[in-house]
PDB file of N, CA and C in Angstrom:
ATOM      1  N   MET A   1     -15.867   9.760  -2.623  1.00  0.00           N
ATOM      2  CA  MET A   1     -14.749  10.458  -3.204  1.00  0.00           C
ATOM      3  C   MET A   1     -13.392  10.188  -2.160  1.00  0.00           C
ATOM      4  N   ALA A   2     -13.713  10.264  -0.918  1.00  0.00           N
ATOM      5  CA  ALA A   2     -12.549  10.017   0.080  1.00  0.00           C
ATOM      6  C   ALA A   2     -12.060   8.549  -0.077  1.00  0.00           C
ATOM      7  N   LEU A   3     -13.191   7.906  -0.021  1.00  0.00           N
ATOM      8  CA  LEU A   3     -12.883   6.420   0.088  1.00  0.00           C
ATOM      9  C   LEU A   3     -11.817   6.086  -1.172  1.00  0.00           C
ATOM     10  N   LEU A   4     -12.579   6.478  -2.364  1.00  0.00           N
ATOM     11  CA  LEU A   4     -11.710   6.010  -3.373  1.00  0.00           C
ATOM     12  C   LEU A   4     -10.225   6.711  -3.468  1.00  0.00           C
ATOM     13  N   LEU A   5     -10.012   8.000  -3.013  1.00  0.00           N
ATOM     14  CA  LEU A   5      -8.589   8.432  -3.123  1.00  0.00           C
ATOM     15  C   LEU A   5      -7.977   7.729  -1.731  1.00  0.00           C
ATOM     16  N   GLY A   6      -8.479   7.205  -0.857  1.00  0.00           N
ATOM     17  CA  GLY A   6      -7.828   6.349   0.239  1.00  0.00           C
ATOM     18  C   GLY A   6      -7.543   5.077  -0.156  1.00  0.00           C
ATOM     19  N   ILE A   7      -8.058   4.530  -0.965  1.00  0.00           N
ATOM     20  CA  ILE A   7      -7.785   3.268  -1.380  1.00  0.00           C
ATOM     21  C   ILE A   7      -6.773   3.252  -2.661  1.00  0.00           C
ATOM     22  N   ALA A   8      -7.050   4.233  -3.418  1.00  0.00           N
ATOM     23  CA  ALA A   8      -5.760   4.459  -4.379  1.00  0.00           C
ATOM     24  C   ALA A   8      -4.379   4.818  -3.933  1.00  0.00           C
ATOM     25  N   ALA A   9      -4.432   5.629  -2.838  1.00  0.00           N
ATOM     26  CA  ALA A   9      -3.316   5.861  -2.065  1.00  0.00           C
ATOM     27  C   ALA A   9      -2.575   4.814  -1.368  1.00  0.00           C
ATOM     28  N   GLY A  10      -3.509   3.991  -0.941  1.00  0.00           N
ATOM     29  CA  GLY A  10      -2.963   2.650  -0.271  1.00  0.00           C
ATOM     30  C   GLY A  10      -2.292   1.847  -1.298  1.00  0.00           C
ATOM     31  N   VAL A  11      -3.060   1.763  -2.483  1.00  0.00           N
ATOM     32  CA  VAL A  11      -2.324   0.685  -3.306  1.00  0.00           C
ATOM     33  C   VAL A  11      -1.130   1.283  -3.843  1.00  0.00           C
ATOM     34  N   PHE A  12      -1.041   2.548  -4.134  1.00  0.00           N
ATOM     35  CA  PHE A  12       0.057   3.033  -4.574  1.00  0.00           C
ATOM     36  C   PHE A  12       1.350   3.004  -3.774  1.00  0.00           C
ATOM     37  N   TRP A  13       1.245   3.491  -2.436  1.00  0.00           N
ATOM     38  CA  TRP A  13       1.992   3.114  -1.469  1.00  0.00           C
ATOM     39  C   TRP A  13       2.413   1.578  -1.235  1.00  0.00           C
ATOM     40  N   LEU A  14       1.564   0.674  -1.348  1.00  0.00           N
ATOM     41  CA  LEU A  14       1.871  -0.675  -1.355  1.00  0.00           C
ATOM     42  C   LEU A  14       2.873  -1.055  -2.582  1.00  0.00           C
ATOM     43  N   VAL A  15       2.435  -0.601  -3.700  1.00  0.00           N
ATOM     44  CA  VAL A  15       3.276  -0.816  -4.787  1.00  0.00           C
ATOM     45  C   VAL A  15       4.709  -0.131  -4.811  1.00  0.00           C
ATOM     46  N   ALA A  16       4.557   1.159  -4.281  1.00  0.00           N
ATOM     47  CA  ALA A  16       5.782   1.783  -4.401  1.00  0.00           C
ATOM     48  C   ALA A  16       6.849   0.894  -3.249  1.00  0.00           C
ATOM     49  N   LEU A  17       6.428   0.232  -2.105  1.00  0.00           N
ATOM     50  CA  LEU A  17       7.369  -0.716  -1.498  1.00  0.00           C
ATOM     51  C   LEU A  17       7.556  -1.761  -1.828  1.00  0.00           C
ATOM     52  N   THR A  18       6.676  -2.676  -2.556  1.00  0.00           N
ATOM     53  CA  THR A  18       6.889  -3.796  -3.062  1.00  0.00           C
ATOM     54  C   THR A  18       7.684  -4.056  -4.257  1.00  0.00           C
ATOM     55  N   VAL A  19       7.324  -3.310  -5.069  1.00  0.00           N
ATOM     56  CA  VAL A  19       8.085  -3.153  -6.663  1.00  0.00           C
ATOM     57  C   VAL A  19       9.806  -3.052  -6.294  1.00  0.00           C
ATOM     58  N   PRO A  20      10.241  -2.045  -5.714  1.00  0.00           N
ATOM     59  CA  PRO A  20      11.428  -2.157  -5.283  1.00  0.00           C
ATOM     60  C   PRO A  20      12.343  -3.443  -4.686  1.00  0.00           C
ATOM     61  N   ILE A  21      11.495  -3.865  -3.735  1.00  0.00           N
ATOM     62  CA  ILE A  21      11.922  -5.246  -3.168  1.00  0.00           C
ATOM     63  C   ILE A  21      11.900  -6.100  -3.935  1.00  0.00           C
ATOM     64  N   CYS A  22      10.871  -6.325  -4.888  1.00  0.00           N
ATOM     65  CA  CYS A  22      10.933  -7.463  -5.755  1.00  0.00           C
ATOM     66  C   CYS A  22      12.090  -7.323  -6.801  1.00  0.00           C
ATOM     67  N   VAL A  23      12.363  -6.118  -7.220  1.00  0.00           N
ATOM     68  CA  VAL A  23      13.361  -5.824  -8.301  1.00  0.00           C
ATOM     69  C   VAL A  23      14.801  -6.024  -7.446  1.00  0.00           C
ATOM     70  N   LEU A  24      14.982  -5.780  -6.433  1.00  0.00           N
ATOM     71  CA  LEU A  24      16.207  -6.101  -5.807  1.00  0.00           C
ATOM     72  C   LEU A  24      16.407  -7.481  -5.622  1.00  0.00           C
ATOM     73  N   LEU A  25      15.138  -8.456  -5.180  1.00  0.00           N
ATOM     74  CA  LEU A  25      15.607  -9.818  -5.141  1.00  0.00           C
ATOM     75  C   LEU A  25      15.584 -10.211  -6.483  1.00  0.00           C
ATOM     76  N   ILE A  26      15.107 -10.065  -7.432  1.00  0.00           N
ATOM     77  CA  ILE A  26      15.246 -10.512  -8.942  1.00  0.00           C
ATOM     78  C   ILE A  26      16.723 -10.257  -9.242  1.00  0.00           C
ATOM     79  N   ILE A  27      17.236  -8.961  -9.085  1.00  0.00           N
ATOM     80  CA  ILE A  27      18.597  -8.832  -9.736  1.00  0.00           C
ATOM     81  C   ILE A  27      19.576  -9.323  -8.828  1.00  0.00           C
ATOM     82  N   GLY A  28      19.303  -9.657  -7.589  1.00  0.00           N
ATOM     83  CA  GLY A  28      20.371  -9.900  -6.759  1.00  0.00           C
ATOM     84  C   GLY A  28      20.446 -11.513  -6.927  1.00  0.00           C
ATOM     85  N   ASN A  29      19.491 -12.116  -7.794  1.00  0.00           N
ATOM     86  CA  ASN A  29      19.385 -13.635  -7.962  1.00  0.00           C
ATOM     87  C   ASN A  29      20.047 -13.806  -9.147  1.00  0.00           C
ATOM     88  N   LEU A  30      20.484 -12.883 -10.191  1.00  0.00           N
ATOM     89  CA  LEU A  30      20.830 -13.208 -11.330  1.00  0.00           C
ATOM     90  C   LEU A  30      22.327 -13.794 -11.661  1.00  0.00           C
ATOM     91  N   PRO A  31      22.456 -14.767 -12.409  1.00  0.00           N
ATOM     92  CA  PRO A  31      23.814 -15.418 -12.230  1.00  0.00           C
ATOM     93  C   PRO A  31      24.637 -14.504 -12.748  1.00  0.00           C
ATOM     94  N   GLY A  32      25.931 -14.990 -12.455  1.00  0.00           N
ATOM     95  CA  GLY A  32      27.125 -14.189 -13.088  1.00  0.00           C
ATOM     96  C   GLY A  32      27.613 -13.287 -12.048  1.00  0.00           C
ATOM     97  N   ASP A  33      28.922 -12.793 -12.640  1.00  0.00           N
ATOM     98  CA  ASP A  33      29.591 -11.868 -11.319  1.00  0.00           C
ATOM     99  C   ASP A  33      29.758 -10.506 -12.215  1.00  0.00           C
ATOM    100  N   ASP A  34      29.084  -9.567 -11.366  1.00  0.00           N
ATOM    101  CA  ASP A  34      28.875  -8.120 -11.861  1.00  0.00           C
ATOM    102  C   ASP A  34      29.315  -7.370 -10.796  1.00  0.00           C
ATOM    103  N   PRO A  35      30.464  -6.575 -10.672  1.00  0.00           N
ATOM    104  CA  PRO A  35      31.055  -5.767  -9.575  1.00  0.00           C
ATOM    105  C   PRO A  35      30.155  -4.381  -9.597  1.00  0.00           C
ATOM    106  N   ALA A  36      29.119  -4.041 -10.630  1.00  0.00           N
ATOM    107  CA  ALA A  36      28.369  -2.816 -10.516  1.00  0.00           C
ATOM    108  C   ALA A  36      26.898  -3.264 -10.273  1.00  0.00           C
ATOM    109  N   ARG A  37      26.685  -4.675 -10.006  1.00  0.00           N
ATOM    110  CA  ARG A  37      25.070  -4.997  -9.963  1.00  0.00           C
ATOM    111  C   ARG A  37      24.606  -4.226  -8.917  1.00  0.00           C
ATOM    112  N   THR A  38      25.259  -4.076  -7.859  1.00  0.00           N
ATOM    113  CA  THR A  38      24.531  -3.722  -6.936  1.00  0.00           C
ATOM    114  C   THR A  38      24.182  -2.266  -6.625  1.00  0.00           C
ATOM    115  N   GLU A  39      25.029  -1.465  -7.409  1.00  0.00           N
ATOM    116  CA  GLU A  39      24.693  -0.288  -7.370  1.00  0.00           C
ATOM    117  C   GLU A  39      23.540  -0.093  -8.644  1.00  0.00           C
ATOM    118  N   ARG A  40      23.674  -0.672  -9.645  1.00  0.00           N
ATOM    119  CA  ARG A  40      22.737  -0.622 -10.501  1.00  0.00           C
ATOM    120  C   ARG A  40      21.243  -0.902 -10.230  1.00  0.00           C
ATOM    121  N   SER A  41      21.202  -1.840  -9.425  1.00  0.00           N
ATOM    122  CA  SER A  41      20.042  -2.481  -8.401  1.00  0.00           C
ATOM    123  C   SER A  41      19.230  -1.725  -7.789  1.00  0.00           C
ATOM    124  N   PHE A  42      20.329  -0.785  -6.887  1.00  0.00           N
ATOM    125  CA  PHE A  42      19.781   0.046  -6.293  1.00  0.00           C
ATOM    126  C   PHE A  42      19.185   1.380  -6.893  1.00  0.00           C
ATOM    127  N   VAL A  43      19.658   1.833  -8.077  1.00  0.00           N
ATOM    128  CA  VAL A  43      19.191   2.930  -8.806  1.00  0.00           C
ATOM    129  C   VAL A  43      18.107   2.471  -9.435  1.00  0.00           C
ATOM    130  N   ILE A  44      17.829   1.275  -9.927  1.00  0.00           N
ATOM    131  CA  ILE A  44      16.880   0.844 -10.611  1.00  0.00           C
ATOM    132  C   ILE A  44      15.466   0.846  -9.585  1.00  0.00           C
ATOM    133  N   ALA A  45      15.475   0.302  -8.245  1.00  0.00           N
ATOM    134  CA  ALA A  45      14.857  -0.094  -7.190  1.00  0.00           C
ATOM    135  C   ALA A  45      14.149   1.448  -7.006  1.00  0.00           C
ATOM    136  N   PHE A  46      15.078   2.375  -6.727  1.00  0.00           N
ATOM    137  CA  PHE A  46      14.867   3.559  -6.245  1.00  0.00           C
ATOM    138  C   PHE A  46      14.026   4.451  -7.314  1.00  0.00           C
ATOM    139  N   GLY A  47      14.322   4.167  -8.684  1.00  0.00           N
ATOM    140  CA  GLY A  47      13.358   4.716  -9.785  1.00  0.00           C
ATOM    141  C   GLY A  47      12.071   4.126  -9.663  1.00  0.00           C
ATOM    142  N   ALA A  48      12.117   2.724  -9.220  1.00  0.00           N
ATOM    143  CA  ALA A  48      10.878   2.041  -9.280  1.00  0.00           C
ATOM    144  C   ALA A  48       9.923   2.810  -8.053  1.00  0.00           C
ATOM    145  N   PHE A  49      10.603   2.932  -7.078  1.00  0.00           N
ATOM    146  CA  PHE A  49       9.942   3.489  -5.757  1.00  0.00           C
ATOM    147  C   PHE A  49       9.319   4.934  -6.119  1.00  0.00           C
ATOM    148  N   LEU A  50      10.177   5.658  -6.773  1.00  0.00           N
ATOM    149  CA  LEU A  50       9.861   7.257  -6.941  1.00  0.00           C
ATOM    150  C   LEU A  50       8.712   7.200  -7.921  1.00  0.00           C
ATOM    151  N   ASN A  51       8.741   6.348  -8.991  1.00  0.00           N
ATOM    152  CA  ASN A  51       7.503   6.243  -9.875  1.00  0.00           C
ATOM    153  C   ASN A  51       6.199   6.208  -9.090  1.00  0.00           C
ATOM    154  N   PHE A  52       5.980   5.212  -8.143  1.00  0.00           N
ATOM    155  CA  PHE A  52       4.808   5.040  -7.575  1.00  0.00           C
ATOM    156  C   PHE A  52       4.543   6.181  -6.456  1.00  0.00           C
ATOM    157  N   ALA A  53       5.853   6.474  -5.775  1.00  0.00           N
ATOM    158  CA  ALA A  53       5.569   7.492  -4.679  1.00  0.00           C
ATOM    159  C   ALA A  53       5.266   8.870  -5.299  1.00  0.00           C
ATOM    160  N   LEU A  54       5.777   9.101  -6.389  1.00  0.00           N
ATOM    161  CA  LEU A  54       5.130  10.475  -6.921  1.00  0.00           C
ATOM    162  C   LEU A  54       3.778  10.407  -7.246  1.00  0.00           C
ATOM    163  N   LEU A  55       3.264   9.133  -7.466  1.00  0.00           N
ATOM    164  CA  LEU A  55       1.767   8.956  -7.590  1.00  0.00           C
ATOM    165  C   LEU A  55       1.137   9.168  -6.125  1.00  0.00           C
ATOM    166  N   ALA A  56       1.420   8.288  -5.229  1.00  0.00           N
ATOM    167  CA  ALA A  56       0.955   8.081  -3.834  1.00  0.00           C
ATOM    168  C   ALA A  56       0.845   9.433  -3.201  1.00  0.00           C
ATOM    169  N   ALA A  57       1.617  10.170  -3.357  1.00  0.00           N
ATOM    170  CA  ALA A  57       1.796  11.478  -2.464  1.00  0.00           C
ATOM    171  C   ALA A  57       0.604  12.306  -2.755  1.00  0.00           C
ATOM    172  N   PRO A  58       0.400  12.954  -4.117  1.00  0.00           N
ATOM    173  CA  PRO A  58      -0.846  13.575  -4.357  1.00  0.00           C
ATOM    174  C   PRO A  58      -2.449  12.882  -4.073  1.00  0.00           C
ATOM    175  N   ALA A  59      -2.129  11.695  -3.998  1.00  0.00           N
ATOM    176  CA  ALA A  59      -3.312  10.881  -3.715  1.00  0.00           C
ATOM    177  C   ALA A  59      -3.552  10.832  -2.334  1.00  0.00           C
ATOM    178  N   THR A  60      -2.644  10.562  -1.269  1.00  0.00           N
ATOM    179  CA  THR A  60      -2.488  10.870  -0.023  1.00  0.00           C
ATOM    180  C   THR A  60      -3.055  12.184   0.479  1.00  0.00           C
ATOM    181  N   ILE A  61      -2.457  13.170  -0.336  1.00  0.00           N
ATOM    182  CA  ILE A  61      -2.675  14.536   0.225  1.00  0.00           C
ATOM    183  C   ILE A  61      -4.296  14.814  -0.681  1.00  0.00           C
ATOM    184  N   GLY A  62      -4.661  14.562  -1.408  1.00  0.00           N
ATOM    185  CA  GLY A  62      -5.952  14.575  -1.765  1.00  0.00           C
ATOM    186  C   GLY A  62      -7.097  13.913  -0.843  1.00  0.00           C
ATOM    187  N   PHE A  63      -6.731  12.758  -0.606  1.00  0.00           N
ATOM    188  CA  PHE A  63      -7.444  11.996   0.404  1.00  0.00           C
ATOM    189  C   PHE A  63      -7.642  12.835   1.850  1.00  0.00           C
ATOM    190  N   LEU A  64      -6.519  13.089   2.280  1.00  0.00           N
ATOM    191  CA  LEU A  64      -6.680  13.838   3.506  1.00  0.00           C
ATOM    192  C   LEU A  64      -7.582  15.420   3.583  1.00  0.00           C
ATOM    193  N   VAL A  65      -7.222  15.942   2.285  1.00  0.00           N
ATOM    194  CA  VAL A  65      -7.985  17.023   2.131  1.00  0.00           C
ATOM    195  C   VAL A  65      -9.558  16.959   1.690  1.00  0.00           C
ATOM    196  N   VAL A  66      -9.958  15.862   1.165  1.00  0.00           N
ATOM    197  CA  VAL A  66     -11.242  15.593   0.839  1.00  0.00           C
ATOM    198  C   VAL A  66     -11.922  15.213   2.215  1.00  0.00           C
ATOM    199  N   ARG A  67     -11.148  14.486   3.032  1.00  0.00           N
ATOM    200  CA  ARG A  67     -11.714  13.993   4.522  1.00  0.00           C
ATOM    201  C   ARG A  67     -11.984  15.053   5.230  1.00  0.00           C
ATOM    202  N   ARG A  68     -10.680  15.837   5.193  1.00  0.00           N
ATOM    203  CA  ARG A  68     -11.029  17.052   6.249  1.00  0.00           C
ATOM    204  C   ARG A  68     -12.224  18.064   5.720  1.00  0.00           C
ATOM    205  N   ALA A  69     -12.457  18.344   4.460  1.00  0.00           N
ATOM    206  CA  ALA A  69     -13.353  19.267   4.166  1.00  0.00           C
ATOM    207  C   ALA A  69     -14.813  18.305   4.284  1.00  0.00           C
ATOM    208  N   GLY A  70     -14.987  17.044   4.227  1.00  0.00           N
ATOM    209  CA  GLY A  70     -16.182  16.334   4.634  1.00  0.00           C
ATOM    210  C   GLY A  70     -16.553  16.571   5.958  1.00  0.00           C
ATOM    211  N   ALA A  71     -15.392  16.577   6.785  1.00  0.00           N
ATOM    212  CA  ALA A  71     -15.769  16.659   8.159  1.00  0.00           C
ATOM    213  C   ALA A  71     -16.083  17.947   8.630  1.00  0.00           C
ATOM    214  N   ARG A  72     -15.322  19.056   7.966  1.00  0.00           N
ATOM    215  CA  ARG A  72     -15.625  20.288   8.076  1.00  0.00           C
ATOM    216  C   ARG A  72     -17.318  20.676   7.769  1.00  0.00           C
ATOM    217  N   SER A  73     -17.796  19.985   6.596  1.00  0.00           N
ATOM    218  CA  SER A  73     -19.179  20.472   6.032  1.00  0.00           C
ATOM    219  C   SER A  73     -20.169  19.536   7.164  1.00  0.00           C
ATOM    220  N   GLY A  74     -19.717  18.491   7.629  1.00  0.00           N
ATOM    221  CA  GLY A  74     -20.687  17.736   8.604  1.00  0.00           C
ATOM    222  C   GLY A  74     -20.849  18.417   9.830  1.00  0.00           C
ATOM    223  N   SER A  75     -19.832  18.979  10.418  1.00  0.00           N
ATOM    224  CA  SER A  75     -19.913  19.808  11.717  1.00  0.00           C
ATOM    225  C   SER A  75     -20.549  20.884  11.329  1.00  0.00           C
ATOM    226  N   ALA A  76     -20.556  21.647  10.121  1.00  0.00           N
ATOM    227  CA  ALA A  76     -21.033  23.080   9.943  1.00  0.00           C
ATOM    228  C   ALA A  76     -22.576  22.772   9.902  1.00  0.00           C
ATOM    229  N   GLY A  77     -22.894  21.794   9.224  1.00  0.00           N
ATOM    230  CA  GLY A  77     -24.381  21.363   8.975  1.00  0.00           C
ATOM    231  C   GLY A  77     -25.179  20.970  10.568  1.00  0.00           C
ATOM    232  N   ALA A  78     -24.374  20.717  11.605  1.00  0.00           N
ATOM    233  CA  ALA A  78     -24.923  20.214  12.801  1.00  0.00           C
ATOM    234  C   ALA A  78     -25.078  21.459  13.694  1.00  0.00           C
ATOM    235  N   ARG A  79     -24.644  22.712  13.119  1.00  0.00           N
ATOM    236  CA  ARG A  79     -24.889  23.650  14.029  1.00  0.00           C
ATOM    237  C   ARG A  79     -26.229  24.480  13.682  1.00  0.00           C
TER     238      ARG A  79
END
């Protein structure tokens, strides 16, 4: 279970960092002159980051809790 949560958390964080960068690159390369493009692209990129970061944070916390619980049960069984 801990491995699955760790992989899910890692994927979510990777996507949370990659998607906003791609959004900024794509919007920045659009043709035409738009004075508000920069502001809108940052808002869209931040929204994309939050979308995946809000999934990654609980997965990371769950991973740490399950891993710590496994370590405690492993050390209790050794006594």
